[in-house]
Amino acid sequence: MIQPPPSFRVGEATPPHHEDQLVAIGEAPVRSQWQLFRRRFLHHKMAVFSIGLLLVLLVVCFLANWLAPYALDWRNDAFEPTAPSLAHWFGTDLSGRDIFSLILYGGQISLKIGLAVALFSTVIGTVTGAVAGWFGSFADGFLMRVTDLFLVIPQIAILALGLQYLNGPIKSPTDVSIIVVLVLVFWMPVARVVRAQVLSLKEKEFVEAARAAGASPIRIIVFHVLPNCLGPIFVSATLAVAAAILTEASLAFLGFGLKSPKTSWGTMIADAKPAATLPNLWYVIFFPGLFIFLAVFAINFIGDGLRDALDPQSDQ
């Protein structure tokens, strides 16, 4: 015969300590999806720090008209580089322009290109992948073959041919033309990721329930399927921002970048190529490269934080 615990008396429905446990369990707060996301993201300390760093970069760059100590076309009297000093915090470049002011103005172009490329390539890739994954058959085959065609062509060839076609042999590239050609090579990975997610989700019970309720395919995709793909989409978008900034810098270094008076961080490094072999002019390349590193560093860690926060299996 099983003996009741010492604190249990005949006539009581449950032991007192068991009642306390039930009350504690019953009063446990139920967190919403947004609360879980915020809690997991804030747990990622580097992601939180990176958001602050990226916001600082955005603010100081897009307020360059008020924060830059010199105008974009300013030149010193000697038209030659000078070392960092109180007058010029980061020194002046090979043309005598203040590097700190150039970094603020150039950041407007570099960050705008990165954010615009991520936005448009994510939208195009998401629509393409969702249509291919949901409708299948001919739509899937056609859209994925187009995606594979863009993937097998070397990216540098697409970029060079695109800039040549948009600008002609004489005109120099503009920030708009650079955004267009970068979108051409950044939408494919997003399309493949979204297609794989849609293929795995369209047979789930909640999708079958939406079909049974009479929802149209477009409504199911927009309101039921894509919200469950936001994790991979957000991560791909953040990685696209960083990749676009680096690719724009690579294009500038190869001679396909912006021309004066417009400038970007990549253009600053390209213009400083003659100083690469001169140790006394290290600052001409170092500071633009540092800001590219800081932007890419922050964006990549924000992507890591979003990935962990949107992971439904995360136990944080």
Protein backbone atom coordinates (compact mmCIF):
# COMPACT_ATOMS: atom_id res chain seq x y z
CA MET A 1 0.00 0.00 0.00
CA ILE A 2 1.36 3.42 -1.04
CA GLN A 3 1.65 5.80 1.89
CA PRO A 4 0.71 9.47 1.31
CA PRO A 5 3.40 12.10 1.90
CA PRO A 6 3.67 13.41 5.51
CA SER A 7 2.10 16.79 4.65
CA PHE A 8 -0.90 15.16 3.01
CA ARG A 9 -4.08 14.89 5.07
CA VAL A 10 -7.15 12.88 4.23
CA GLY A 11 -9.76 15.05 2.57
CA GLU A 12 -7.33 17.29 0.68
CA ALA A 13 -7.49 16.99 -3.07
CA THR A 14 -3.76 17.46 -3.63
CA PRO A 15 -0.73 17.93 -1.45
CA PRO A 16 0.00 21.59 -0.62
CA HIS A 17 3.35 21.61 -2.37
CA HIS A 18 1.71 20.21 -5.52
CA GLU A 19 -0.83 23.07 -5.47
CA ASP A 20 2.00 25.58 -5.35
CA GLN A 21 3.54 23.99 -8.43
CA LEU A 22 0.23 24.14 -10.31
CA VAL A 23 -0.22 27.82 -9.47
CA ALA A 24 3.33 28.61 -10.56
CA ILE A 25 2.82 26.80 -13.83
CA GLY A 26 -0.54 28.43 -14.42
CA GLU A 27 0.89 31.91 -13.89
CA ALA A 28 3.83 31.46 -16.29
CA PRO A 29 3.63 34.20 -18.94
CA VAL A 30 2.96 33.15 -22.51
CA ARG A 31 5.35 34.98 -24.84
CA SER A 32 4.28 36.13 -28.29
CA GLN A 33 6.36 35.46 -31.38
CA TRP A 34 7.64 39.03 -31.29
CA GLN A 35 8.68 38.70 -27.65
CA LEU A 36 10.52 35.45 -28.39
CA PHE A 37 12.24 37.04 -31.37
CA ARG A 38 13.30 40.09 -29.34
CA ARG A 39 14.54 37.96 -26.45
CA ARG A 40 16.63 35.73 -28.70
CA PHE A 41 18.03 38.66 -30.67
CA LEU A 42 18.96 40.65 -27.57
CA HIS A 43 20.73 37.56 -26.25
CA HIS A 44 23.11 37.86 -29.24
CA LYS A 45 25.36 40.59 -27.87
CA MET A 46 27.41 41.06 -31.04
CA ALA A 47 24.26 41.53 -33.11
CA VAL A 48 22.99 44.22 -30.72
CA PHE A 49 26.36 45.96 -30.81
CA SER A 50 26.41 45.70 -34.62
CA ILE A 51 23.00 47.39 -34.91
CA GLY A 52 24.34 50.32 -32.92
CA LEU A 53 27.48 50.45 -35.05
CA LEU A 54 25.49 50.35 -38.30
CA LEU A 55 23.12 53.07 -37.09
CA VAL A 56 26.09 55.30 -36.24
CA LEU A 57 27.54 54.75 -39.73
CA LEU A 58 24.20 55.53 -41.37
CA VAL A 59 23.64 58.68 -39.32
CA VAL A 60 27.10 60.19 -39.77
CA CYS A 61 27.22 59.36 -43.49
CA PHE A 62 23.77 60.63 -44.40
CA LEU A 63 24.34 63.79 -42.36
CA ALA A 64 27.60 64.46 -44.19
CA ASN A 65 26.38 67.84 -45.42
CA TRP A 66 26.36 69.01 -41.79
CA LEU A 67 29.10 66.85 -40.24
CA ALA A 68 31.82 66.87 -42.92
CA PRO A 69 34.41 69.58 -42.16
CA TYR A 70 35.16 70.15 -45.87
CA ALA A 71 33.15 70.12 -49.08
CA LEU A 72 33.47 67.17 -51.43
CA ASP A 73 35.42 69.16 -54.05
CA TRP A 74 37.76 70.82 -51.54
CA ARG A 75 41.51 70.74 -52.33
CA ASN A 76 44.43 71.97 -50.25
CA ASP A 77 46.78 74.51 -51.75
CA ALA A 78 49.53 71.97 -52.45
CA PHE A 79 47.21 69.36 -54.12
CA GLU A 80 49.15 66.61 -52.35
CA PRO A 81 48.55 64.15 -49.49
CA THR A 82 49.12 65.22 -45.92
CA ALA A 83 49.32 63.01 -42.83
CA PRO A 84 46.51 62.88 -40.23
CA SER A 85 46.43 65.97 -38.03
CA LEU A 86 44.05 68.10 -36.00
CA ALA A 87 43.08 69.95 -39.17
CA HIS A 88 42.55 66.73 -41.14
CA TRP A 89 41.73 63.84 -38.81
CA PHE A 90 42.34 61.15 -41.44
CA GLY A 91 44.75 63.17 -43.58
CA THR A 92 44.25 64.15 -47.22
CA ASP A 93 44.33 61.93 -50.30
CA LEU A 94 46.58 62.09 -53.38
CA SER A 95 44.55 65.00 -54.73
CA GLY A 96 44.63 66.93 -51.47
CA ARG A 97 41.04 66.18 -50.48
CA ASP A 98 40.12 65.66 -46.83
CA ILE A 99 39.75 61.87 -46.32
CA PHE A 100 37.33 62.15 -43.39
CA SER A 101 34.93 64.26 -45.47
CA LEU A 102 35.29 61.88 -48.42
CA ILE A 103 34.47 58.90 -46.19
CA LEU A 104 31.27 60.55 -44.98
CA TYR A 105 30.16 61.47 -48.51
CA GLY A 106 31.37 58.16 -49.95
CA GLY A 107 29.50 56.25 -47.27
CA GLN A 108 26.24 57.67 -48.61
CA ILE A 109 26.91 55.99 -51.98
CA SER A 110 28.31 52.71 -50.62
CA LEU A 111 25.55 52.18 -48.06
CA LYS A 112 22.84 53.27 -50.50
CA ILE A 113 24.11 50.78 -53.07
CA GLY A 114 24.26 47.99 -50.50
CA LEU A 115 20.77 48.63 -49.11
CA ALA A 116 19.16 49.14 -52.53
CA VAL A 117 20.73 46.00 -54.00
CA ALA A 118 19.62 43.94 -50.99
CA LEU A 119 16.06 45.29 -51.21
CA PHE A 120 15.49 44.78 -54.95
CA SER A 121 17.36 41.47 -55.23
CA THR A 122 15.43 40.10 -52.23
CA VAL A 123 12.08 41.12 -53.72
CA ILE A 124 12.90 39.64 -57.14
CA GLY A 125 14.38 36.48 -55.67
CA THR A 126 11.49 36.00 -53.25
CA VAL A 127 8.83 36.37 -55.95
CA THR A 128 10.73 34.08 -58.33
CA GLY A 129 11.35 31.39 -55.73
CA ALA A 130 7.81 31.51 -54.36
CA VAL A 131 6.22 31.16 -57.82
CA ALA A 132 8.60 28.38 -58.83
CA GLY A 133 8.16 26.43 -55.61
CA TRP A 134 4.39 26.78 -55.35
CA PHE A 135 3.22 26.26 -58.93
CA GLY A 136 5.94 23.77 -59.94
CA SER A 137 5.75 22.08 -63.33
CA PHE A 138 6.50 24.46 -66.22
CA ALA A 139 6.88 27.56 -64.02
CA ASP A 140 9.41 25.81 -61.78
CA GLY A 141 11.39 24.40 -64.69
CA PHE A 142 11.50 27.67 -66.63
CA LEU A 143 12.34 29.95 -63.69
CA MET A 144 15.00 27.63 -62.28
CA ARG A 145 16.67 27.24 -65.68
CA VAL A 146 16.83 31.03 -65.96
CA THR A 147 18.29 31.12 -62.45
CA ASP A 148 20.88 28.46 -63.36
CA LEU A 149 21.78 30.40 -66.51
CA PHE A 150 22.65 33.47 -64.46
CA LEU A 151 24.52 31.34 -61.95
CA VAL A 152 26.81 29.64 -64.50
CA ILE A 153 27.86 32.93 -66.14
CA PRO A 154 30.80 34.46 -64.24
CA GLN A 155 29.51 37.34 -62.15
CA ILE A 156 32.25 39.69 -63.25
CA ALA A 157 31.18 39.17 -66.88
CA ILE A 158 27.57 40.07 -66.06
CA LEU A 159 28.72 43.15 -64.17
CA ALA A 160 31.10 44.34 -66.88
CA LEU A 161 28.65 43.73 -69.74
CA GLY A 162 25.79 45.29 -67.79
CA LEU A 163 27.73 48.47 -67.04
CA GLN A 164 28.94 48.63 -70.64
CA TYR A 165 25.38 48.29 -71.96
CA LEU A 166 23.83 50.78 -69.53
CA ASN A 167 26.51 53.45 -69.79
CA GLY A 168 28.06 52.98 -73.21
CA PRO A 169 31.79 53.06 -73.99
CA ILE A 170 32.25 56.72 -72.98
CA LYS A 171 29.98 57.47 -70.05
CA SER A 172 31.16 56.57 -66.57
CA PRO A 173 28.96 54.35 -64.37
CA THR A 174 26.39 55.93 -62.09
CA ASP A 175 25.18 54.66 -58.74
CA VAL A 176 21.86 53.67 -60.40
CA SER A 177 23.56 51.61 -63.11
CA ILE A 178 25.75 49.90 -60.51
CA ILE A 179 22.66 49.01 -58.46
CA VAL A 180 20.96 47.55 -61.55
CA VAL A 181 23.86 45.29 -62.52
CA LEU A 182 24.43 44.16 -58.94
CA VAL A 183 20.76 43.19 -58.63
CA LEU A 184 21.28 41.02 -61.74
CA VAL A 185 23.79 38.84 -59.87
CA PHE A 186 22.30 38.88 -56.35
CA TRP A 187 18.71 37.70 -56.83
CA MET A 188 19.51 34.07 -57.74
CA PRO A 189 20.63 32.77 -54.31
CA VAL A 190 17.53 34.28 -52.69
CA ALA A 191 15.31 32.61 -55.32
CA ARG A 192 16.80 29.18 -54.66
CA VAL A 193 16.50 29.54 -50.87
CA VAL A 194 12.86 30.68 -51.05
CA ARG A 195 11.96 27.92 -53.53
CA ALA A 196 13.35 25.26 -51.20
CA GLN A 197 11.40 26.72 -48.27
CA VAL A 198 8.14 26.88 -50.25
CA LEU A 199 8.53 23.29 -51.44
CA SER A 200 8.84 22.11 -47.83
CA LEU A 201 5.95 24.26 -46.56
CA LYS A 202 3.26 23.84 -49.20
CA GLU A 203 2.37 20.34 -47.99
CA LYS A 204 2.05 21.34 -44.32
CA GLU A 205 -1.24 21.03 -42.46
CA PHE A 206 -1.83 24.78 -42.10
CA VAL A 207 -1.50 25.19 -45.87
CA GLU A 208 -3.95 22.34 -46.48
CA ALA A 209 -6.34 24.01 -44.06
CA ALA A 210 -6.08 27.30 -45.96
CA ARG A 211 -6.80 25.45 -49.22
CA ALA A 212 -9.81 23.75 -47.67
CA ALA A 213 -11.08 27.16 -46.52
CA GLY A 214 -11.06 28.33 -50.13
CA ALA A 215 -8.09 30.71 -50.00
CA SER A 216 -6.55 31.57 -53.36
CA PRO A 217 -2.96 30.50 -54.15
CA ILE A 218 -1.74 34.11 -54.00
CA ARG A 219 -3.34 34.62 -50.59
CA ILE A 220 -1.85 31.38 -49.28
CA ILE A 221 1.62 32.33 -50.53
CA VAL A 222 1.50 35.88 -49.16
CA PHE A 223 -0.23 35.31 -45.82
CA HIS A 224 0.68 31.73 -44.92
CA VAL A 225 3.81 30.52 -46.71
CA LEU A 226 6.09 33.56 -47.00
CA PRO A 227 5.74 34.60 -43.31
CA ASN A 228 7.27 31.22 -42.46
CA CYS A 229 10.18 31.94 -44.82
CA LEU A 230 11.14 35.26 -43.23
CA GLY A 231 14.13 33.83 -41.38
CA PRO A 232 16.12 32.73 -44.48
CA ILE A 233 14.91 35.78 -46.42
CA PHE A 234 16.13 38.26 -43.78
CA VAL A 235 19.46 36.48 -43.44
CA SER A 236 19.95 36.46 -47.23
CA ALA A 237 19.07 40.16 -47.38
CA THR A 238 21.63 41.14 -44.74
CA LEU A 239 24.33 39.10 -46.46
CA ALA A 240 23.41 40.76 -49.76
CA VAL A 241 24.03 44.22 -48.26
CA ALA A 242 27.56 43.27 -47.21
CA ALA A 243 28.28 41.47 -50.49
CA ALA A 244 27.04 44.43 -52.55
CA ILE A 245 29.32 46.86 -50.69
CA LEU A 246 32.32 44.57 -51.27
CA THR A 247 31.41 43.98 -54.93
CA GLU A 248 31.04 47.71 -55.59
CA ALA A 249 34.50 48.21 -54.09
CA SER A 250 35.88 45.45 -56.34
CA LEU A 251 34.31 47.04 -59.42
CA ALA A 252 35.84 50.39 -58.50
CA PHE A 253 39.25 48.77 -58.06
CA LEU A 254 38.94 47.22 -61.55
CA GLY A 255 38.04 50.59 -63.08
CA PHE A 256 34.25 50.12 -63.36
CA GLY A 257 33.39 52.32 -60.40
CA LEU A 258 32.15 55.85 -59.99
CA LYS A 259 34.13 58.77 -61.31
CA SER A 260 34.79 62.16 -59.73
CA PRO A 261 33.02 64.19 -58.40
CA LYS A 262 31.00 61.23 -57.08
CA THR A 263 32.85 58.93 -54.75
CA SER A 264 32.38 55.81 -52.65
CA TRP A 265 34.56 53.86 -50.26
CA GLY A 266 35.56 51.56 -53.11
CA THR A 267 36.36 54.51 -55.37
CA MET A 268 38.57 55.99 -52.66
CA ILE A 269 40.61 52.78 -52.49
CA ALA A 270 40.83 52.63 -56.29
CA ASP A 271 42.05 56.24 -56.46
CA ALA A 272 44.66 55.44 -53.81
CA LYS A 273 46.25 52.55 -55.73
CA PRO A 274 49.45 54.54 -56.48
CA ALA A 275 49.96 54.94 -52.71
CA ALA A 276 49.86 51.18 -52.07
CA THR A 277 53.64 50.83 -52.36
CA LEU A 278 54.44 53.93 -50.32
CA PRO A 279 54.55 53.18 -46.57
CA ASN A 280 54.26 56.82 -45.57
CA LEU A 281 50.85 57.08 -47.25
CA TRP A 282 49.23 54.14 -45.44
CA TYR A 283 46.32 56.31 -44.28
CA VAL A 284 45.10 56.96 -47.83
CA ILE A 285 43.98 53.32 -48.19
CA PHE A 286 43.61 52.35 -44.53
CA PHE A 287 40.68 54.56 -43.54
CA PRO A 288 38.36 53.74 -46.49
CA GLY A 289 39.18 50.07 -46.01
CA LEU A 290 38.47 50.36 -42.29
CA PHE A 291 34.97 51.73 -42.90
CA ILE A 292 34.22 49.00 -45.44
CA PHE A 293 35.33 46.46 -42.83
CA LEU A 294 33.17 48.05 -40.11
CA ALA A 295 30.07 48.09 -42.32
CA VAL A 296 30.50 44.49 -43.48
CA PHE A 297 31.36 43.37 -39.93
CA ALA A 298 28.20 44.94 -38.51
CA ILE A 299 25.90 43.66 -41.25
CA ASN A 300 27.19 40.08 -41.03
CA PHE A 301 26.69 39.95 -37.27
CA ILE A 302 23.18 41.39 -37.63
CA GLY A 303 22.49 38.54 -40.05
CA ASP A 304 23.77 36.03 -37.50
CA GLY A 305 21.53 37.54 -34.84
CA LEU A 306 18.47 37.41 -37.11
CA ARG A 307 19.20 33.80 -38.01
CA ASP A 308 19.37 32.77 -34.35
CA ALA A 309 16.34 34.85 -33.35
CA LEU A 310 14.15 33.48 -36.14
CA ASP A 311 15.19 29.87 -35.59
CA PRO A 312 12.12 28.09 -34.13
CA GLN A 313 14.37 25.43 -32.59
CA SER A 314 16.38 27.98 -30.64
CA ASP A 315 16.15 27.38 -26.90
CA GLN A 316 17.44 30.81 -25.87
